[in-house]
């Protein structure tokens, strides 16, 4: 991971704004698991929730794109469009698997394991960016694997709303982590040359198409749900998606993944605190112990990426 000249300048000139945006994003995204659980309890299926989230966010963005960004979109190269569509497809897979994981396991397990995505980014670095992994990154990966095994072996911190199958839920959350890692990798590359609104419109839109197709194939119920289910899905599109994920994508245009990845650490903490208060999910000591392994892993790996990026930036004349 390298900080570009543009991102290094942004980090120097306006860190308060960038960290403020990331902070807002973390708070917004931390509400997602709660809204999802409430919608599931009101009868909405996971795929319907995911599709509604992305489709509504895309519909809200469409008038803005038509009014202000048509010229930029018309000038996109075929490669940029294909990468944006791939990024959106990975985002759709992320939401399909992660939201489904909340049917089977606790909020703590789900959000902690899905937040492993910075480590998957680090593991992809040698292949995609031709950078070597540092010793600290390798230590972080080992700690994360250990933490994931501990959490999975400990069961669930609360009864899942539909099925209580923690291992299945944990596995789905890990798939979601891998998918969103790919989404962030592509986003870092595209945001250097593509504006925020056109990028998120393309990615959210393609994710919505993938998820709508999945709902049609599986015969998911869209109409006739409880009014409260639609309320939770609307809030999911407005807060975690349009505010939370858009804040992450904004930061990716100015900062390296090392800085953005650090912000992900706040989501499991915020989500778990909300789950304790609102869902009465009580993590046991073993799960908290495993979570500490993962938090330590993310900090070690992220700091390693920061150190590498800063050294690279110092070499820029």
Protein backbone atom coordinates (compact mmCIF):
# COMPACT_ATOMS: atom_id res chain seq x y z
CA UNK A 1 0.00 0.00 0.00
CA UNK A 2 1.35 3.39 -0.89
CA UNK A 3 0.27 6.90 -0.11
CA UNK A 4 0.10 8.85 -3.36
CA UNK A 5 1.37 12.39 -3.58
CA UNK A 6 -2.24 13.57 -3.61
CA UNK A 7 -3.24 11.49 -0.58
CA UNK A 8 -0.14 12.47 1.36
CA UNK A 9 -0.93 16.13 0.73
CA UNK A 10 -4.54 15.62 1.80
CA UNK A 11 -3.40 13.91 4.99
CA UNK A 12 -1.07 16.84 5.76
CA UNK A 13 -3.45 19.66 4.93
CA UNK A 14 -6.79 18.50 6.29
CA UNK A 15 -6.50 15.56 8.69
CA UNK A 16 -9.33 16.84 10.89
CA UNK A 17 -11.80 16.74 8.00
CA UNK A 18 -10.71 13.29 6.87
CA UNK A 19 -10.78 11.80 10.36
CA UNK A 20 -14.11 13.51 10.99
CA UNK A 21 -15.59 11.89 7.89
CA UNK A 22 -14.22 8.49 8.91
CA UNK A 23 -15.62 8.92 12.41
CA UNK A 24 -19.08 9.69 11.03
CA UNK A 25 -18.76 6.66 8.76
CA UNK A 26 -17.90 4.35 11.65
CA UNK A 27 -20.84 5.56 13.74
CA UNK A 28 -23.24 5.19 10.79
CA UNK A 29 -22.02 1.72 9.82
CA UNK A 30 -22.19 0.52 13.44
CA UNK A 31 -25.99 0.78 13.29
CA UNK A 32 -26.27 -1.64 10.34
CA UNK A 33 -26.37 -4.91 12.28
CA UNK A 34 -29.11 -3.55 14.54
CA UNK A 35 -31.33 -2.43 11.64
CA UNK A 36 -30.74 -5.77 9.93
CA UNK A 37 -31.70 -7.74 13.04
CA UNK A 38 -34.88 -5.67 13.49
CA UNK A 39 -35.85 -6.19 9.82
CA UNK A 40 -35.17 -9.93 10.10
CA UNK A 41 -37.32 -10.11 13.22
CA UNK A 42 -40.11 -8.44 11.21
CA UNK A 43 -39.99 -11.13 8.52
CA UNK A 44 -37.66 -9.69 5.86
CA UNK A 45 -35.20 -12.19 4.35
CA UNK A 46 -31.49 -11.41 4.25
CA UNK A 47 -31.32 -11.11 0.46
CA UNK A 48 -34.35 -8.80 0.39
CA UNK A 49 -32.75 -6.62 3.06
CA UNK A 50 -29.48 -6.43 1.12
CA UNK A 51 -31.22 -5.71 -2.19
CA UNK A 52 -33.45 -3.04 -0.66
CA UNK A 53 -30.44 -1.37 0.96
CA UNK A 54 -28.48 -1.03 -2.28
CA UNK A 55 -31.42 -0.36 -4.59
CA UNK A 56 -32.79 2.50 -2.48
CA UNK A 57 -29.32 4.04 -2.10
CA UNK A 58 -28.87 3.90 -5.89
CA UNK A 59 -32.28 5.44 -6.56
CA UNK A 60 -31.49 8.33 -4.22
CA UNK A 61 -28.17 8.97 -5.98
CA UNK A 62 -29.55 8.72 -9.55
CA UNK A 63 -31.03 12.26 -9.84
CA UNK A 64 -27.75 13.73 -8.53
CA UNK A 65 -25.76 11.73 -11.07
CA UNK A 66 -28.04 12.75 -13.95
CA UNK A 67 -27.94 16.42 -12.97
CA UNK A 68 -24.25 16.83 -12.19
CA UNK A 69 -22.12 13.91 -13.37
CA UNK A 70 -23.32 12.89 -16.84
CA UNK A 71 -20.22 14.30 -18.54
CA UNK A 72 -17.86 12.48 -16.20
CA UNK A 73 -19.71 9.21 -16.68
CA UNK A 74 -19.72 9.55 -20.48
CA UNK A 75 -15.93 9.98 -20.43
CA UNK A 76 -15.20 6.81 -18.50
CA UNK A 77 -12.99 4.21 -20.15
CA UNK A 78 -14.24 0.67 -20.59
CA UNK A 79 -11.69 -0.60 -18.07
CA UNK A 80 -12.93 1.82 -15.41
CA UNK A 81 -16.52 0.75 -15.95
CA UNK A 82 -15.64 -2.94 -15.77
CA UNK A 83 -13.68 -2.45 -12.55
CA UNK A 84 -16.55 -0.48 -11.02
CA UNK A 85 -19.01 -3.24 -11.95
CA UNK A 86 -16.67 -5.85 -10.47
CA UNK A 87 -16.36 -3.77 -7.31
CA UNK A 88 -20.16 -3.54 -7.08
CA UNK A 89 -20.55 -7.29 -7.59
CA UNK A 90 -18.15 -7.93 -4.71
CA UNK A 91 -20.10 -5.45 -2.59
CA UNK A 92 -23.30 -7.34 -3.40
CA UNK A 93 -21.65 -10.64 -2.39
CA UNK A 94 -20.44 -9.01 0.81
CA UNK A 95 -23.90 -7.88 1.84
CA UNK A 96 -25.56 -11.15 0.79
CA UNK A 97 -23.22 -13.24 2.94
CA UNK A 98 -22.70 -10.88 5.86
CA UNK A 99 -26.39 -10.01 6.32
CA UNK A 100 -27.21 -13.72 6.06
CA UNK A 101 -24.63 -14.42 8.78
CA UNK A 102 -26.74 -12.40 11.23
CA UNK A 103 -29.46 -15.05 10.89
CA UNK A 104 -27.14 -17.68 12.35
CA UNK A 105 -24.73 -16.02 14.78
CA UNK A 106 -24.43 -13.13 17.21
CA UNK A 107 -23.72 -9.53 16.29
CA UNK A 108 -20.35 -9.78 18.06
CA UNK A 109 -19.25 -12.80 16.03
CA UNK A 110 -20.56 -11.42 12.75
CA UNK A 111 -19.19 -7.89 12.87
CA UNK A 112 -15.84 -8.93 14.36
CA UNK A 113 -15.18 -11.55 11.70
CA UNK A 114 -16.39 -9.42 8.79
CA UNK A 115 -14.04 -6.68 10.01
CA UNK A 116 -11.09 -8.93 9.16
CA UNK A 117 -11.14 -7.41 5.67
CA UNK A 118 -7.99 -5.28 6.22
CA UNK A 119 -6.02 -8.47 6.78
CA UNK A 120 -7.31 -9.99 3.55
CA UNK A 121 -6.28 -6.77 1.80
CA UNK A 122 -2.82 -7.17 3.29
CA UNK A 123 -2.60 -10.77 2.09
CA UNK A 124 -3.60 -9.69 -1.43
CA UNK A 125 -0.96 -6.95 -1.52
CA UNK A 126 1.95 -9.10 -2.83
CA UNK A 127 -0.23 -10.39 -5.68
CA UNK A 128 -2.01 -7.17 -6.67
CA UNK A 129 0.49 -4.46 -5.79
CA UNK A 130 3.73 -6.47 -5.83
CA UNK A 131 4.62 -5.38 -2.28
CA UNK A 132 6.16 -7.73 0.27
CA UNK A 133 4.35 -8.43 3.51
CA UNK A 134 6.18 -7.17 6.57
CA UNK A 135 6.86 -9.29 9.63
CA UNK A 136 4.28 -7.32 11.61
CA UNK A 137 1.64 -7.98 8.95
CA UNK A 138 2.36 -11.72 9.10
CA UNK A 139 2.07 -11.60 12.89
CA UNK A 140 -1.26 -9.81 12.49
CA UNK A 141 -2.55 -12.49 10.14
CA UNK A 142 -1.58 -15.22 12.60
CA UNK A 143 -3.30 -13.40 15.48
CA UNK A 144 -6.44 -12.90 13.40
CA UNK A 145 -6.65 -16.58 12.49
CA UNK A 146 -6.25 -17.53 16.15
CA UNK A 147 -8.93 -15.06 17.21
CA UNK A 148 -11.35 -16.27 14.56
CA UNK A 149 -10.92 -19.88 15.67
CA UNK A 150 -11.48 -18.92 19.32
CA UNK A 151 -14.68 -16.98 18.56
CA UNK A 152 -16.05 -19.73 16.31
CA UNK A 153 -15.33 -22.44 18.90
CA UNK A 154 -17.01 -20.42 21.66
CA UNK A 155 -20.43 -20.48 20.03
CA UNK A 156 -22.70 -17.43 19.95
CA UNK A 157 -23.13 -14.43 22.26
CA UNK A 158 -26.89 -14.59 21.87
CA UNK A 159 -29.65 -16.47 20.11
CA UNK A 160 -29.82 -15.70 16.40
CA UNK A 161 -33.29 -14.60 15.26
CA UNK A 162 -33.89 -17.42 12.75
CA UNK A 163 -31.35 -20.24 13.17
CA UNK A 164 -28.76 -20.71 15.88
CA UNK A 165 -25.82 -22.08 13.88
CA UNK A 166 -22.73 -20.06 14.87
CA UNK A 167 -20.23 -21.93 12.68
CA UNK A 168 -22.31 -21.34 9.55
CA UNK A 169 -22.84 -17.71 10.49
CA UNK A 170 -19.16 -17.20 11.19
CA UNK A 171 -18.25 -18.75 7.83
CA UNK A 172 -20.65 -16.45 5.98
CA UNK A 173 -19.16 -13.44 7.80
CA UNK A 174 -15.67 -14.48 6.70
CA UNK A 175 -16.81 -14.76 3.08
CA UNK A 176 -18.25 -11.27 3.46
CA UNK A 177 -14.88 -10.06 4.74
CA UNK A 178 -13.07 -11.44 1.69
CA UNK A 179 -15.61 -9.89 -0.68
CA UNK A 180 -15.48 -6.43 0.89
CA UNK A 181 -11.68 -6.58 0.87
CA UNK A 182 -11.83 -6.90 -2.91
CA UNK A 183 -14.29 -4.00 -3.00
CA UNK A 184 -11.86 -1.80 -1.06
CA UNK A 185 -8.87 -2.83 -3.21
CA UNK A 186 -10.66 -1.86 -6.41
CA UNK A 187 -12.04 1.28 -4.79
CA UNK A 188 -8.56 2.52 -3.89
CA UNK A 189 -7.50 2.12 -7.48
CA UNK A 190 -10.56 3.69 -9.08
CA UNK A 191 -11.06 6.59 -6.68
CA UNK A 192 -7.70 8.04 -7.73
CA UNK A 193 -9.21 8.86 -11.14
CA UNK A 194 -12.98 8.73 -10.60
CA UNK A 195 -15.20 11.11 -8.62
CA UNK A 196 -16.93 9.94 -5.47
CA UNK A 197 -20.57 10.16 -6.62
CA UNK A 198 -20.09 8.45 -10.02
CA UNK A 199 -18.05 5.70 -8.36
CA UNK A 200 -20.53 4.91 -5.60
CA UNK A 201 -23.46 5.13 -8.06
CA UNK A 202 -21.84 2.54 -10.33
CA UNK A 203 -20.84 0.23 -7.48
CA UNK A 204 -24.03 0.53 -5.45
CA UNK A 205 -26.08 0.12 -8.64
CA UNK A 206 -24.28 -3.00 -9.85
CA UNK A 207 -24.49 -4.48 -6.34
CA UNK A 208 -28.23 -3.79 -6.34
CA UNK A 209 -28.67 -5.56 -9.70
CA UNK A 210 -26.80 -8.63 -8.43
CA UNK A 211 -28.89 -8.75 -5.26
CA UNK A 212 -32.22 -8.15 -7.02
CA UNK A 213 -31.40 -11.03 -9.36
CA UNK A 214 -30.66 -13.22 -6.33
CA UNK A 215 -34.00 -12.26 -4.76
CA UNK A 216 -35.85 -13.15 -7.98
CA UNK A 217 -34.09 -16.50 -8.29
CA UNK A 218 -34.74 -17.44 -4.66
CA UNK A 219 -38.30 -16.12 -4.65
CA UNK A 220 -37.78 -13.75 -1.74
CA UNK A 221 -40.84 -11.91 -0.43
CA UNK A 222 -40.63 -8.18 -1.17
CA UNK A 223 -44.26 -7.05 -0.78
CA UNK A 224 -46.57 -7.61 2.16
CA UNK A 225 -44.00 -7.32 4.94
CA UNK A 226 -44.71 -5.53 8.19
CA UNK A 227 -44.47 -1.70 7.86
CA UNK A 228 -41.71 -1.67 10.45
CA UNK A 229 -39.57 -3.96 8.25
CA UNK A 230 -39.63 -1.35 5.48
CA UNK A 231 -38.73 1.34 8.01
CA UNK A 232 -35.64 -0.57 9.14
CA UNK A 233 -34.57 -1.19 5.53
CA UNK A 234 -35.02 2.48 4.65
CA UNK A 235 -32.87 3.47 7.63
CA UNK A 236 -30.31 0.86 6.55
CA UNK A 237 -30.03 2.49 3.13
CA UNK A 238 -29.82 6.02 4.53
CA UNK A 239 -27.42 5.67 7.46
CA UNK A 240 -24.99 2.74 7.05
CA UNK A 241 -25.01 2.78 3.25
CA UNK A 242 -25.33 6.37 2.00
CA UNK A 243 -23.54 7.93 4.97
CA UNK A 244 -21.30 5.12 6.28
CA UNK A 245 -19.99 3.45 3.13
CA UNK A 246 -19.86 6.73 1.23
CA UNK A 247 -17.66 8.15 4.01
CA UNK A 248 -15.27 5.20 3.56
CA UNK A 249 -15.20 5.72 -0.20
CA UNK A 250 -14.55 9.44 0.27
CA UNK A 251 -11.56 8.63 2.47
CA UNK A 252 -10.23 6.13 -0.07
CA UNK A 253 -9.87 8.99 -2.54
CA UNK A 254 -7.46 10.81 -0.21
CA UNK A 255 -5.83 8.28 2.10
CA UNK A 256 -4.24 4.87 1.70
CA UNK A 257 -6.03 1.76 2.92
CA UNK A 258 -3.77 1.73 5.96
CA UNK A 259 -5.51 4.81 7.37
CA UNK A 260 -8.99 3.78 6.25
CA UNK A 261 -8.55 0.27 7.64
CA UNK A 262 -7.90 1.66 11.10
CA UNK A 263 -11.39 3.12 11.14
CA UNK A 264 -12.90 -0.34 10.64
CA UNK A 265 -11.81 -1.21 14.17
CA UNK A 266 -14.56 0.98 15.57
CA UNK A 267 -17.43 -0.89 13.91
CA UNK A 268 -17.34 -4.13 15.95
CA UNK A 269 -17.04 -2.13 19.14
CA UNK A 270 -19.98 0.14 18.32
CA UNK A 271 -22.15 -2.70 17.01
CA UNK A 272 -21.46 -4.91 20.01
CA UNK A 273 -22.26 -2.13 22.48
CA UNK A 274 -25.55 -1.46 20.69
CA UNK A 275 -26.33 -5.20 20.65
CA UNK A 276 -25.72 -5.46 24.40
CA UNK A 277 -28.11 -2.59 25.09
CA UNK A 278 -30.82 -3.23 22.48
CA UNK A 279 -30.62 -6.97 21.74
CA UNK A 280 -29.49 -8.26 25.15
CA UNK A 281 -26.61 -10.16 23.54
CA UNK A 282 -24.00 -10.90 26.18
CA UNK A 283 -20.60 -12.04 24.91
CA UNK A 284 -18.86 -14.60 27.09
CA UNK A 285 -15.30 -14.34 28.32
CA UNK A 286 -13.91 -16.66 25.63
CA UNK A 287 -15.46 -14.59 22.83
CA UNK A 288 -14.12 -11.38 24.31
CA UNK A 289 -10.70 -13.02 24.52
CA UNK A 290 -10.90 -14.04 20.85
CA UNK A 291 -12.05 -10.55 19.91
CA UNK A 292 -8.98 -9.08 21.59
CA UNK A 293 -6.82 -11.28 19.33
CA UNK A 294 -8.55 -9.90 16.25
CA UNK A 295 -8.41 -6.28 17.41
CA UNK A 296 -4.69 -6.73 18.15
CA UNK A 297 -4.19 -8.32 14.74
CA UNK A 298 -5.91 -5.47 12.95
CA UNK A 299 -3.90 -2.87 14.85
CA UNK A 300 -0.59 -4.65 14.18
CA UNK A 301 -1.33 -5.16 10.48
CA UNK A 302 -2.69 -1.65 9.98
CA UNK A 303 0.30 -0.05 11.71
CA UNK A 304 2.58 -2.09 9.50
CA UNK A 305 0.78 -0.77 6.42
CA UNK A 306 1.00 2.80 7.75
CA UNK A 307 4.73 2.43 8.33
CA UNK A 308 5.24 1.08 4.82
CA UNK A 309 3.15 3.86 3.28
CA UNK A 310 4.94 6.62 5.18
CA UNK A 311 8.34 5.30 4.15
CA UNK A 312 7.18 5.15 0.53
CA UNK A 313 5.84 8.69 0.73
CA UNK A 314 9.19 9.93 2.08
CA UNK A 315 10.83 8.61 -1.09
CA UNK A 316 8.60 10.76 -3.28
CA UNK A 317 10.68 13.76 -4.44
